[in-house]
Amino acid sequence: IHLNITEAFKEMFLVVIQFGSILAVVALYWKRLLPVS
C-alpha cells in the first residue's frame, strides 16, 4: 500500500494515527481512568 504522501509525513502519520487508538481506550474506560469524581 503506497500512500501518495511524502516520506516525512508518512513517518509522522504512522505514529500519530495511534491517537485514534488512545481515544478508544479513553472512550471505553473514562470512568476508571479519571482520578477525580
PDB file of all heavy atoms in Angstrom:
ATOM      1  N   ILE A   1       0.856  -1.190   0.000  1.00  0.00           N
ATOM      2  CA  ILE A   1       0.000   0.000   0.000  1.00  0.00           C
ATOM      3  C   ILE A   1       0.886   1.232   0.000  1.00  0.00           C
ATOM      4  O   ILE A   1       1.456   1.598   1.030  1.00  0.00           O
ATOM      5  CB  ILE A   1      -0.930   0.025   1.234  1.00  0.00           C
ATOM      6  CG1 ILE A   1      -1.776  -1.251   1.280  1.00  0.00           C
ATOM      7  CG2 ILE A   1      -1.839   1.255   1.197  1.00  0.00           C
ATOM      8  CD1 ILE A   1      -2.575  -1.398   2.547  1.00  0.00           C
ATOM      9  N   HIS A   2       1.032   1.854  -1.131  1.00  0.00           N
ATOM     10  CA  HIS A   2       1.904   3.015  -1.255  1.00  0.00           C
ATOM     11  C   HIS A   2       1.061   4.293  -1.251  1.00  0.00           C
ATOM     12  O   HIS A   2       0.452   4.648  -2.254  1.00  0.00           O
ATOM     13  CB  HIS A   2       2.743   2.925  -2.525  1.00  0.00           C
ATOM     14  CG  HIS A   2       3.585   1.682  -2.606  1.00  0.00           C
ATOM     15  ND1 HIS A   2       4.681   1.493  -1.807  1.00  0.00           N
ATOM     16  CD2 HIS A   2       3.464   0.566  -3.362  1.00  0.00           C
ATOM     17  CE1 HIS A   2       5.229   0.309  -2.078  1.00  0.00           C
ATOM     18  NE2 HIS A   2       4.504  -0.271  -3.014  1.00  0.00           N
ATOM     19  N   LEU A   3       1.033   4.946  -0.089  1.00  0.00           N
ATOM     20  CA  LEU A   3       0.285   6.196   0.009  1.00  0.00           C
ATOM     21  C   LEU A   3       0.995   7.299  -0.774  1.00  0.00           C
ATOM     22  O   LEU A   3       2.231   7.374  -0.783  1.00  0.00           O
ATOM     23  CB  LEU A   3       0.158   6.612   1.478  1.00  0.00           C
ATOM     24  CG  LEU A   3      -0.743   5.738   2.359  1.00  0.00           C
ATOM     25  CD1 LEU A   3      -0.580   6.125   3.820  1.00  0.00           C
ATOM     26  CD2 LEU A   3      -2.194   5.866   1.940  1.00  0.00           C
ATOM     27  N   ASN A   4       0.228   8.141  -1.408  1.00  0.00           N
ATOM     28  CA  ASN A   4       0.784   9.247  -2.185  1.00  0.00           C
ATOM     29  C   ASN A   4       1.083  10.432  -1.265  1.00  0.00           C
ATOM     30  O   ASN A   4       0.436  11.478  -1.311  1.00  0.00           O
ATOM     31  CB  ASN A   4      -0.203   9.652  -3.285  1.00  0.00           C
ATOM     32  CG  ASN A   4       0.386  10.689  -4.230  1.00  0.00           C
ATOM     33  OD1 ASN A   4       1.611  10.800  -4.364  1.00  0.00           O
ATOM     34  ND2 ASN A   4      -0.478  11.457  -4.876  1.00  0.00           N
ATOM     35  N   ILE A   5       2.075  10.239  -0.397  1.00  0.00           N
ATOM     36  CA  ILE A   5       2.462  11.253   0.589  1.00  0.00           C
ATOM     37  C   ILE A   5       3.981  11.298   0.682  1.00  0.00           C
ATOM     38  O   ILE A   5       4.661  10.375   0.247  1.00  0.00           O
ATOM     39  CB  ILE A   5       1.861  10.961   1.989  1.00  0.00           C
ATOM     40  CG1 ILE A   5       2.216   9.538   2.435  1.00  0.00           C
ATOM     41  CG2 ILE A   5       0.354  11.161   1.984  1.00  0.00           C
ATOM     42  CD1 ILE A   5       1.697   9.163   3.801  1.00  0.00           C
ATOM     43  N   THR A   6       4.502  12.352   1.281  1.00  0.00           N
ATOM     44  CA  THR A   6       5.952  12.473   1.440  1.00  0.00           C
ATOM     45  C   THR A   6       6.434  11.510   2.526  1.00  0.00           C
ATOM     46  O   THR A   6       5.654  11.080   3.389  1.00  0.00           O
ATOM     47  CB  THR A   6       6.343  13.906   1.837  1.00  0.00           C
ATOM     48  OG1 THR A   6       5.813  14.192   3.146  1.00  0.00           O
ATOM     49  CG2 THR A   6       5.814  14.917   0.828  1.00  0.00           C
ATOM     50  N   GLU A   7       7.710  11.186   2.500  1.00  0.00           N
ATOM     51  CA  GLU A   7       8.286  10.281   3.500  1.00  0.00           C
ATOM     52  C   GLU A   7       8.179  10.881   4.901  1.00  0.00           C
ATOM     53  O   GLU A   7       7.924  10.177   5.869  1.00  0.00           O
ATOM     54  CB  GLU A   7       9.747   9.990   3.165  1.00  0.00           C
ATOM     55  CG  GLU A   7       9.937   8.943   2.090  1.00  0.00           C
ATOM     56  CD  GLU A   7       9.349   7.596   2.467  1.00  0.00           C
ATOM     57  OE1 GLU A   7       9.569   7.150   3.613  1.00  0.00           O
ATOM     58  OE2 GLU A   7       8.667   6.988   1.622  1.00  0.00           O
ATOM     59  N   ALA A   8       8.391  12.201   4.995  1.00  0.00           N
ATOM     60  CA  ALA A   8       8.318  12.866   6.307  1.00  0.00           C
ATOM     61  C   ALA A   8       6.906  12.776   6.889  1.00  0.00           C
ATOM     62  O   ALA A   8       6.726  12.502   8.076  1.00  0.00           O
ATOM     63  CB  ALA A   8       8.739  14.333   6.177  1.00  0.00           C
ATOM     64  N   PHE A   9       5.914  13.005   6.030  1.00  0.00           N
ATOM     65  CA  PHE A   9       4.528  12.923   6.508  1.00  0.00           C
ATOM     66  C   PHE A   9       4.160  11.490   6.859  1.00  0.00           C
ATOM     67  O   PHE A   9       3.476  11.237   7.855  1.00  0.00           O
ATOM     68  CB  PHE A   9       3.558  13.468   5.460  1.00  0.00           C
ATOM     69  CG  PHE A   9       2.118  13.391   5.892  1.00  0.00           C
ATOM     70  CD1 PHE A   9       1.589  14.333   6.767  1.00  0.00           C
ATOM     71  CD2 PHE A   9       1.289  12.372   5.443  1.00  0.00           C
ATOM     72  CE1 PHE A   9       0.267  14.258   7.182  1.00  0.00           C
ATOM     73  CE2 PHE A   9      -0.031  12.285   5.850  1.00  0.00           C
ATOM     74  CZ  PHE A   9      -0.546  13.235   6.728  1.00  0.00           C
ATOM     75  N   LYS A  10       4.601  10.524   6.066  1.00  0.00           N
ATOM     76  CA  LYS A  10       4.285   9.117   6.333  1.00  0.00           C
ATOM     77  C   LYS A  10       4.859   8.674   7.670  1.00  0.00           C
ATOM     78  O   LYS A  10       4.188   7.970   8.435  1.00  0.00           O
ATOM     79  CB  LYS A  10       4.825   8.218   5.214  1.00  0.00           C
ATOM     80  CG  LYS A  10       4.451   6.752   5.401  1.00  0.00           C
ATOM     81  CD  LYS A  10       4.854   5.901   4.218  1.00  0.00           C
ATOM     82  CE  LYS A  10       6.325   5.621   4.196  1.00  0.00           C
ATOM     83  NZ  LYS A  10       6.690   4.599   3.174  1.00  0.00           N
ATOM     84  N   GLU A  11       6.093   9.077   7.953  1.00  0.00           N
ATOM     85  CA  GLU A  11       6.721   8.724   9.225  1.00  0.00           C
ATOM     86  C   GLU A  11       5.907   9.250  10.404  1.00  0.00           C
ATOM     87  O   GLU A  11       5.711   8.558  11.398  1.00  0.00           O
ATOM     88  CB  GLU A  11       8.148   9.290   9.283  1.00  0.00           C
ATOM     89  CG  GLU A  11       8.894   8.907  10.554  1.00  0.00           C
ATOM     90  CD  GLU A  11      10.271   9.546  10.623  1.00  0.00           C
ATOM     91  OE1 GLU A  11      10.754  10.062   9.594  1.00  0.00           O
ATOM     92  OE2 GLU A  11      10.864   9.535  11.721  1.00  0.00           O
ATOM     93  N   MET A  12       5.425  10.485  10.273  1.00  0.00           N
ATOM     94  CA  MET A  12       4.603  11.075  11.324  1.00  0.00           C
ATOM     95  C   MET A  12       3.223  10.414  11.373  1.00  0.00           C
ATOM     96  O   MET A  12       2.711  10.063  12.443  1.00  0.00           O
ATOM     97  CB  MET A  12       4.464  12.584  11.080  1.00  0.00           C
ATOM     98  CG  MET A  12       3.616  13.342  12.107  1.00  0.00           C
ATOM     99  SD  MET A  12       1.838  13.303  11.771  1.00  0.00           S
ATOM    100  CE  MET A  12       1.759  14.169  10.201  1.00  0.00           C
ATOM    101  N   PHE A  13       2.612  10.216  10.218  1.00  0.00           N
ATOM    102  CA  PHE A  13       1.261   9.659  10.111  1.00  0.00           C
ATOM    103  C   PHE A  13       1.147   8.284  10.767  1.00  0.00           C
ATOM    104  O   PHE A  13       0.195   8.011  11.512  1.00  0.00           O
ATOM    105  CB  PHE A  13       0.865   9.577   8.635  1.00  0.00           C
ATOM    106  CG  PHE A  13      -0.390   8.785   8.371  1.00  0.00           C
ATOM    107  CD1 PHE A  13      -1.634   9.311   8.682  1.00  0.00           C
ATOM    108  CD2 PHE A  13      -0.319   7.518   7.803  1.00  0.00           C
ATOM    109  CE1 PHE A  13      -2.800   8.583   8.437  1.00  0.00           C
ATOM    110  CE2 PHE A  13      -1.471   6.783   7.557  1.00  0.00           C
ATOM    111  CZ  PHE A  13      -2.712   7.311   7.882  1.00  0.00           C
ATOM    112  N   LEU A  14       2.123   7.404  10.519  1.00  0.00           N
ATOM    113  CA  LEU A  14       2.065   6.043  11.037  1.00  0.00           C
ATOM    114  C   LEU A  14       2.187   5.977  12.556  1.00  0.00           C
ATOM    115  O   LEU A  14       1.859   4.961  13.163  1.00  0.00           O
ATOM    116  CB  LEU A  14       3.156   5.185  10.377  1.00  0.00           C
ATOM    117  CG  LEU A  14       2.965   4.914   8.885  1.00  0.00           C
ATOM    118  CD1 LEU A  14       4.119   4.105   8.338  1.00  0.00           C
ATOM    119  CD2 LEU A  14       1.640   4.211   8.610  1.00  0.00           C
ATOM    120  N   VAL A  15       2.654   7.061  13.159  1.00  0.00           N
ATOM    121  CA  VAL A  15       2.723   7.132  14.624  1.00  0.00           C
ATOM    122  C   VAL A  15       1.504   7.862  15.183  1.00  0.00           C
ATOM    123  O   VAL A  15       0.841   7.380  16.112  1.00  0.00           O
ATOM    124  CB  VAL A  15       4.016   7.830  15.089  1.00  0.00           C
ATOM    125  CG1 VAL A  15       3.999   8.021  16.614  1.00  0.00           C
ATOM    126  CG2 VAL A  15       5.240   7.022  14.676  1.00  0.00           C
ATOM    127  N   VAL A  16       1.172   9.010  14.621  1.00  0.00           N
ATOM    128  CA  VAL A  16       0.092   9.853  15.146  1.00  0.00           C
ATOM    129  C   VAL A  16      -1.273   9.203  14.953  1.00  0.00           C
ATOM    130  O   VAL A  16      -2.213   9.470  15.715  1.00  0.00           O
ATOM    131  CB  VAL A  16       0.138  11.255  14.518  1.00  0.00           C
ATOM    132  CG1 VAL A  16      -1.023  12.121  14.987  1.00  0.00           C
ATOM    133  CG2 VAL A  16       1.456  11.938  14.867  1.00  0.00           C
ATOM    134  N   ILE A  17      -1.391   8.310  13.986  1.00  0.00           N
ATOM    135  CA  ILE A  17      -2.646   7.587  13.785  1.00  0.00           C
ATOM    136  C   ILE A  17      -3.025   6.800  15.040  1.00  0.00           C
ATOM    137  O   ILE A  17      -4.194   6.499  15.284  1.00  0.00           O
ATOM    138  CB  ILE A  17      -2.537   6.652  12.555  1.00  0.00           C
ATOM    139  CG1 ILE A  17      -3.913   6.137  12.146  1.00  0.00           C
ATOM    140  CG2 ILE A  17      -1.596   5.508  12.830  1.00  0.00           C
ATOM    141  CD1 ILE A  17      -3.878   5.261  10.910  1.00  0.00           C
ATOM    142  N   GLN A  18      -2.006   6.496  15.872  1.00  0.00           N
ATOM    143  CA  GLN A  18      -2.252   5.787  17.125  1.00  0.00           C
ATOM    144  C   GLN A  18      -3.122   6.593  18.082  1.00  0.00           C
ATOM    145  O   GLN A  18      -3.714   6.027  19.005  1.00  0.00           O
ATOM    146  CB  GLN A  18      -0.920   5.471  17.819  1.00  0.00           C
ATOM    147  CG  GLN A  18      -0.011   4.540  17.043  1.00  0.00           C
ATOM    148  CD  GLN A  18       1.345   4.374  17.714  1.00  0.00           C
ATOM    149  OE1 GLN A  18       1.703   5.115  18.632  1.00  0.00           O
ATOM    150  NE2 GLN A  18       2.100   3.394  17.276  1.00  0.00           N
ATOM    151  N   PHE A  19      -3.205   7.893  17.850  1.00  0.00           N
ATOM    152  CA  PHE A  19      -4.029   8.739  18.713  1.00  0.00           C
ATOM    153  C   PHE A  19      -5.483   8.266  18.700  1.00  0.00           C
ATOM    154  O   PHE A  19      -6.185   8.350  19.702  1.00  0.00           O
ATOM    155  CB  PHE A  19      -3.940  10.200  18.267  1.00  0.00           C
ATOM    156  CG  PHE A  19      -4.604  11.162  19.203  1.00  0.00           C
ATOM    157  CD1 PHE A  19      -4.111  11.369  20.478  1.00  0.00           C
ATOM    158  CD2 PHE A  19      -5.746  11.850  18.821  1.00  0.00           C
ATOM    159  CE1 PHE A  19      -4.734  12.244  21.360  1.00  0.00           C
ATOM    160  CE2 PHE A  19      -6.375  12.737  19.681  1.00  0.00           C
ATOM    161  CZ  PHE A  19      -5.874  12.933  20.965  1.00  0.00           C
ATOM    162  N   GLY A  20      -5.930   7.748  17.554  1.00  0.00           N
ATOM    163  CA  GLY A  20      -7.283   7.204  17.478  1.00  0.00           C
ATOM    164  C   GLY A  20      -7.454   6.013  18.398  1.00  0.00           C
ATOM    165  O   GLY A  20      -8.509   5.843  19.034  1.00  0.00           O
ATOM    166  N   SER A  21      -6.419   5.181  18.486  1.00  0.00           N
ATOM    167  CA  SER A  21      -6.455   4.023  19.375  1.00  0.00           C
ATOM    168  C   SER A  21      -6.490   4.450  20.844  1.00  0.00           C
ATOM    169  O   SER A  21      -7.169   3.836  21.664  1.00  0.00           O
ATOM    170  CB  SER A  21      -5.239   3.121  19.110  1.00  0.00           C
ATOM    171  OG  SER A  21      -5.275   2.618  17.786  1.00  0.00           O
ATOM    172  N   ILE A  22      -5.751   5.517  21.165  1.00  0.00           N
ATOM    173  CA  ILE A  22      -5.765   6.045  22.537  1.00  0.00           C
ATOM    174  C   ILE A  22      -7.164   6.529  22.895  1.00  0.00           C
ATOM    175  O   ILE A  22      -7.681   6.243  23.983  1.00  0.00           O
ATOM    176  CB  ILE A  22      -4.779   7.219  22.685  1.00  0.00           C
ATOM    177  CG1 ILE A  22      -3.365   6.809  22.322  1.00  0.00           C
ATOM    178  CG2 ILE A  22      -4.811   7.765  24.124  1.00  0.00           C
ATOM    179  CD1 ILE A  22      -2.415   7.976  22.210  1.00  0.00           C
ATOM    180  N   LEU A  23      -7.775   7.270  21.992  1.00  0.00           N
ATOM    181  CA  LEU A  23      -9.117   7.806  22.242  1.00  0.00           C
ATOM    182  C   LEU A  23     -10.123   6.688  22.473  1.00  0.00           C
ATOM    183  O   LEU A  23     -11.079   6.847  23.238  1.00  0.00           O
ATOM    184  CB  LEU A  23      -9.561   8.678  21.068  1.00  0.00           C
ATOM    185  CG  LEU A  23      -8.813  10.005  20.881  1.00  0.00           C
ATOM    186  CD1 LEU A  23      -9.343  10.736  19.649  1.00  0.00           C
ATOM    187  CD2 LEU A  23      -8.954  10.887  22.117  1.00  0.00           C
ATOM    188  N   ALA A  24      -9.912   5.541  21.828  1.00  0.00           N
ATOM    189  CA  ALA A  24     -10.813   4.400  22.018  1.00  0.00           C
ATOM    190  C   ALA A  24     -10.748   3.902  23.455  1.00  0.00           C
ATOM    191  O   ALA A  24     -11.777   3.612  24.076  1.00  0.00           O
ATOM    192  CB  ALA A  24     -10.443   3.279  21.045  1.00  0.00           C
ATOM    193  N   VAL A  25      -9.539   3.811  24.002  1.00  0.00           N
ATOM    194  CA  VAL A  25      -9.380   3.387  25.397  1.00  0.00           C
ATOM    195  C   VAL A  25     -10.040   4.391  26.336  1.00  0.00           C
ATOM    196  O   VAL A  25     -10.765   4.018  27.267  1.00  0.00           O
ATOM    197  CB  VAL A  25      -7.878   3.235  25.763  1.00  0.00           C
ATOM    198  CG1 VAL A  25      -7.715   2.911  27.247  1.00  0.00           C
ATOM    199  CG2 VAL A  25      -7.241   2.156  24.917  1.00  0.00           C
ATOM    200  N   VAL A  26      -9.806   5.668  26.083  1.00  0.00           N
ATOM    201  CA  VAL A  26     -10.392   6.721  26.920  1.00  0.00           C
ATOM    202  C   VAL A  26     -11.917   6.674  26.850  1.00  0.00           C
ATOM    203  O   VAL A  26     -12.608   6.794  27.872  1.00  0.00           O
ATOM    204  CB  VAL A  26      -9.875   8.109  26.491  1.00  0.00           C
ATOM    205  CG1 VAL A  26     -10.587   9.207  27.264  1.00  0.00           C
ATOM    206  CG2 VAL A  26      -8.362   8.199  26.717  1.00  0.00           C
ATOM    207  N   ALA A  27     -12.462   6.478  25.652  1.00  0.00           N
ATOM    208  CA  ALA A  27     -13.913   6.436  25.480  1.00  0.00           C
ATOM    209  C   ALA A  27     -14.532   5.249  26.215  1.00  0.00           C
ATOM    210  O   ALA A  27     -15.618   5.362  26.806  1.00  0.00           O
ATOM    211  CB  ALA A  27     -14.268   6.370  23.997  1.00  0.00           C
ATOM    212  N   LEU A  28     -13.855   4.104  26.188  1.00  0.00           N
ATOM    213  CA  LEU A  28     -14.394   2.900  26.816  1.00  0.00           C
ATOM    214  C   LEU A  28     -14.205   2.874  28.334  1.00  0.00           C
ATOM    215  O   LEU A  28     -15.026   2.297  29.053  1.00  0.00           O
ATOM    216  CB  LEU A  28     -13.734   1.655  26.205  1.00  0.00           C
ATOM    217  CG  LEU A  28     -14.118   1.309  24.765  1.00  0.00           C
ATOM    218  CD1 LEU A  28     -13.223   0.199  24.228  1.00  0.00           C
ATOM    219  CD2 LEU A  28     -15.577   0.881  24.690  1.00  0.00           C
ATOM    220  N   TYR A  29     -13.137   3.506  28.804  1.00  0.00           N
ATOM    221  CA  TYR A  29     -12.777   3.363  30.223  1.00  0.00           C
ATOM    222  C   TYR A  29     -12.670   4.693  30.967  1.00  0.00           C
ATOM    223  O   TYR A  29     -12.069   4.748  32.033  1.00  0.00           O
ATOM    224  CB  TYR A  29     -11.418   2.644  30.342  1.00  0.00           C
ATOM    225  CG  TYR A  29     -11.441   1.201  29.921  1.00  0.00           C
ATOM    226  CD1 TYR A  29     -10.969   0.822  28.666  1.00  0.00           C
ATOM    227  CD2 TYR A  29     -11.905   0.210  30.776  1.00  0.00           C
ATOM    228  CE1 TYR A  29     -10.965  -0.508  28.279  1.00  0.00           C
ATOM    229  CE2 TYR A  29     -11.897  -1.126  30.412  1.00  0.00           C
ATOM    230  CZ  TYR A  29     -11.429  -1.475  29.153  1.00  0.00           C
ATOM    231  OH  TYR A  29     -11.424  -2.799  28.777  1.00  0.00           O
ATOM    232  N   TRP A  30     -13.268   5.763  30.464  1.00  0.00           N
ATOM    233  CA  TRP A  30     -13.015   7.088  31.033  1.00  0.00           C
ATOM    234  C   TRP A  30     -13.346   7.167  32.518  1.00  0.00           C
ATOM    235  O   TRP A  30     -12.666   7.849  33.283  1.00  0.00           O
ATOM    236  CB  TRP A  30     -13.760   8.162  30.248  1.00  0.00           C
ATOM    237  CG  TRP A  30     -15.256   8.105  30.335  1.00  0.00           C
ATOM    238  CD1 TRP A  30     -16.103   7.393  29.542  1.00  0.00           C
ATOM    239  CD2 TRP A  30     -16.074   8.785  31.288  1.00  0.00           C
ATOM    240  NE1 TRP A  30     -17.402   7.582  29.926  1.00  0.00           N
ATOM    241  CE2 TRP A  30     -17.417   8.438  30.990  1.00  0.00           C
ATOM    242  CE3 TRP A  30     -15.814   9.667  32.341  1.00  0.00           C
ATOM    243  CZ2 TRP A  30     -18.495   8.917  31.726  1.00  0.00           C
ATOM    244  CZ3 TRP A  30     -16.885  10.163  33.066  1.00  0.00           C
ATOM    245  CH2 TRP A  30     -18.205   9.787  32.766  1.00  0.00           C
ATOM    246  N   LYS A  31     -14.362   6.432  32.953  1.00  0.00           N
ATOM    247  CA  LYS A  31     -14.717   6.472  34.383  1.00  0.00           C
ATOM    248  C   LYS A  31     -13.621   5.863  35.253  1.00  0.00           C
ATOM    249  O   LYS A  31     -13.362   6.330  36.368  1.00  0.00           O
ATOM    250  CB  LYS A  31     -16.039   5.735  34.623  1.00  0.00           C
ATOM    251  CG  LYS A  31     -17.261   6.482  34.113  1.00  0.00           C
ATOM    252  CD  LYS A  31     -18.536   5.733  34.464  1.00  0.00           C
ATOM    253  CE  LYS A  31     -19.764   6.497  33.978  1.00  0.00           C
ATOM    254  NZ  LYS A  31     -21.018   5.780  34.305  1.00  0.00           N
ATOM    255  N   ARG A  32     -12.979   4.826  34.748  1.00  0.00           N
ATOM    256  CA  ARG A  32     -11.907   4.166  35.505  1.00  0.00           C
ATOM    257  C   ARG A  32     -10.573   4.892  35.376  1.00  0.00           C
ATOM    258  O   ARG A  32      -9.667   4.683  36.188  1.00  0.00           O
ATOM    259  CB  ARG A  32     -11.759   2.717  35.044  1.00  0.00           C
ATOM    260  CG  ARG A  32     -12.951   1.843  35.421  1.00  0.00           C
ATOM    261  CD  ARG A  32     -12.795   0.440  34.896  1.00  0.00           C
ATOM    262  NE  ARG A  32     -11.601  -0.217  35.434  1.00  0.00           N
ATOM    263  CZ  ARG A  32     -11.191  -1.426  35.069  1.00  0.00           C
ATOM    264  NH1 ARG A  32     -11.876  -2.099  34.155  1.00  0.00           N
ATOM    265  NH2 ARG A  32     -10.109  -1.960  35.591  1.00  0.00           N
ATOM    266  N   LEU A  33     -10.450   5.734  34.373  1.00  0.00           N
ATOM    267  CA  LEU A  33      -9.190   6.440  34.150  1.00  0.00           C
ATOM    268  C   LEU A  33      -9.128   7.793  34.852  1.00  0.00           C
ATOM    269  O   LEU A  33      -8.040   8.284  35.157  1.00  0.00           O
ATOM    270  CB  LEU A  33      -8.965   6.648  32.644  1.00  0.00           C
ATOM    271  CG  LEU A  33      -8.766   5.379  31.801  1.00  0.00           C
ATOM    272  CD1 LEU A  33      -8.691   5.731  30.325  1.00  0.00           C
ATOM    273  CD2 LEU A  33      -7.511   4.633  32.231  1.00  0.00           C
ATOM    274  N   LEU A  34     -10.285   8.386  35.125  1.00  0.00           N
ATOM    275  CA  LEU A  34     -10.301   9.698  35.783  1.00  0.00           C
ATOM    276  C   LEU A  34      -9.926   9.561  37.259  1.00  0.00           C
ATOM    277  O   LEU A  34     -10.559   8.804  37.992  1.00  0.00           O
ATOM    278  CB  LEU A  34     -11.690  10.331  35.676  1.00  0.00           C
ATOM    279  CG  LEU A  34     -12.040  11.048  34.365  1.00  0.00           C
ATOM    280  CD1 LEU A  34     -13.471  11.556  34.423  1.00  0.00           C
ATOM    281  CD2 LEU A  34     -11.080  12.186  34.093  1.00  0.00           C
ATOM    282  N   PRO A  35      -8.920  10.289  37.707  1.00  0.00           N
ATOM    283  CA  PRO A  35      -8.512  10.195  39.117  1.00  0.00           C
ATOM    284  C   PRO A  35      -9.404  10.998  40.063  1.00  0.00           C
ATOM    285  O   PRO A  35      -9.193  10.985  41.271  1.00  0.00           O
ATOM    286  CB  PRO A  35      -7.089  10.757  39.110  1.00  0.00           C
ATOM    287  CG  PRO A  35      -7.079  11.705  37.961  1.00  0.00           C
ATOM    288  CD  PRO A  35      -8.010  11.144  36.925  1.00  0.00           C
ATOM    289  N   VAL A  36     -10.373  11.714  39.498  1.00  0.00           N
ATOM    290  CA  VAL A  36     -11.287  12.502  40.336  1.00  0.00           C
ATOM    291  C   VAL A  36     -12.727  12.172  39.962  1.00  0.00           C
ATOM    292  O   VAL A  36     -13.016  11.700  38.858  1.00  0.00           O
ATOM    293  CB  VAL A  36     -11.059  14.022  40.169  1.00  0.00           C
ATOM    294  CG1 VAL A  36      -9.702  14.425  40.687  1.00  0.00           C
ATOM    295  CG2 VAL A  36     -11.238  14.439  38.716  1.00  0.00           C
ATOM    296  N   SER A  37     -13.639  12.397  40.906  1.00  0.00           N
ATOM    297  CA  SER A  37     -15.065  12.186  40.661  1.00  0.00           C
ATOM    298  C   SER A  37     -15.852  13.271  41.381  1.00  0.00           C
ATOM    299  O   SER A  37     -15.336  13.946  42.292  1.00  0.00           O
ATOM    300  CB  SER A  37     -15.494  10.803  41.159  1.00  0.00           C
ATOM    301  OG  SER A  37     -15.236  10.657  42.538  1.00  0.00           O
TER     302      SER A  37
END
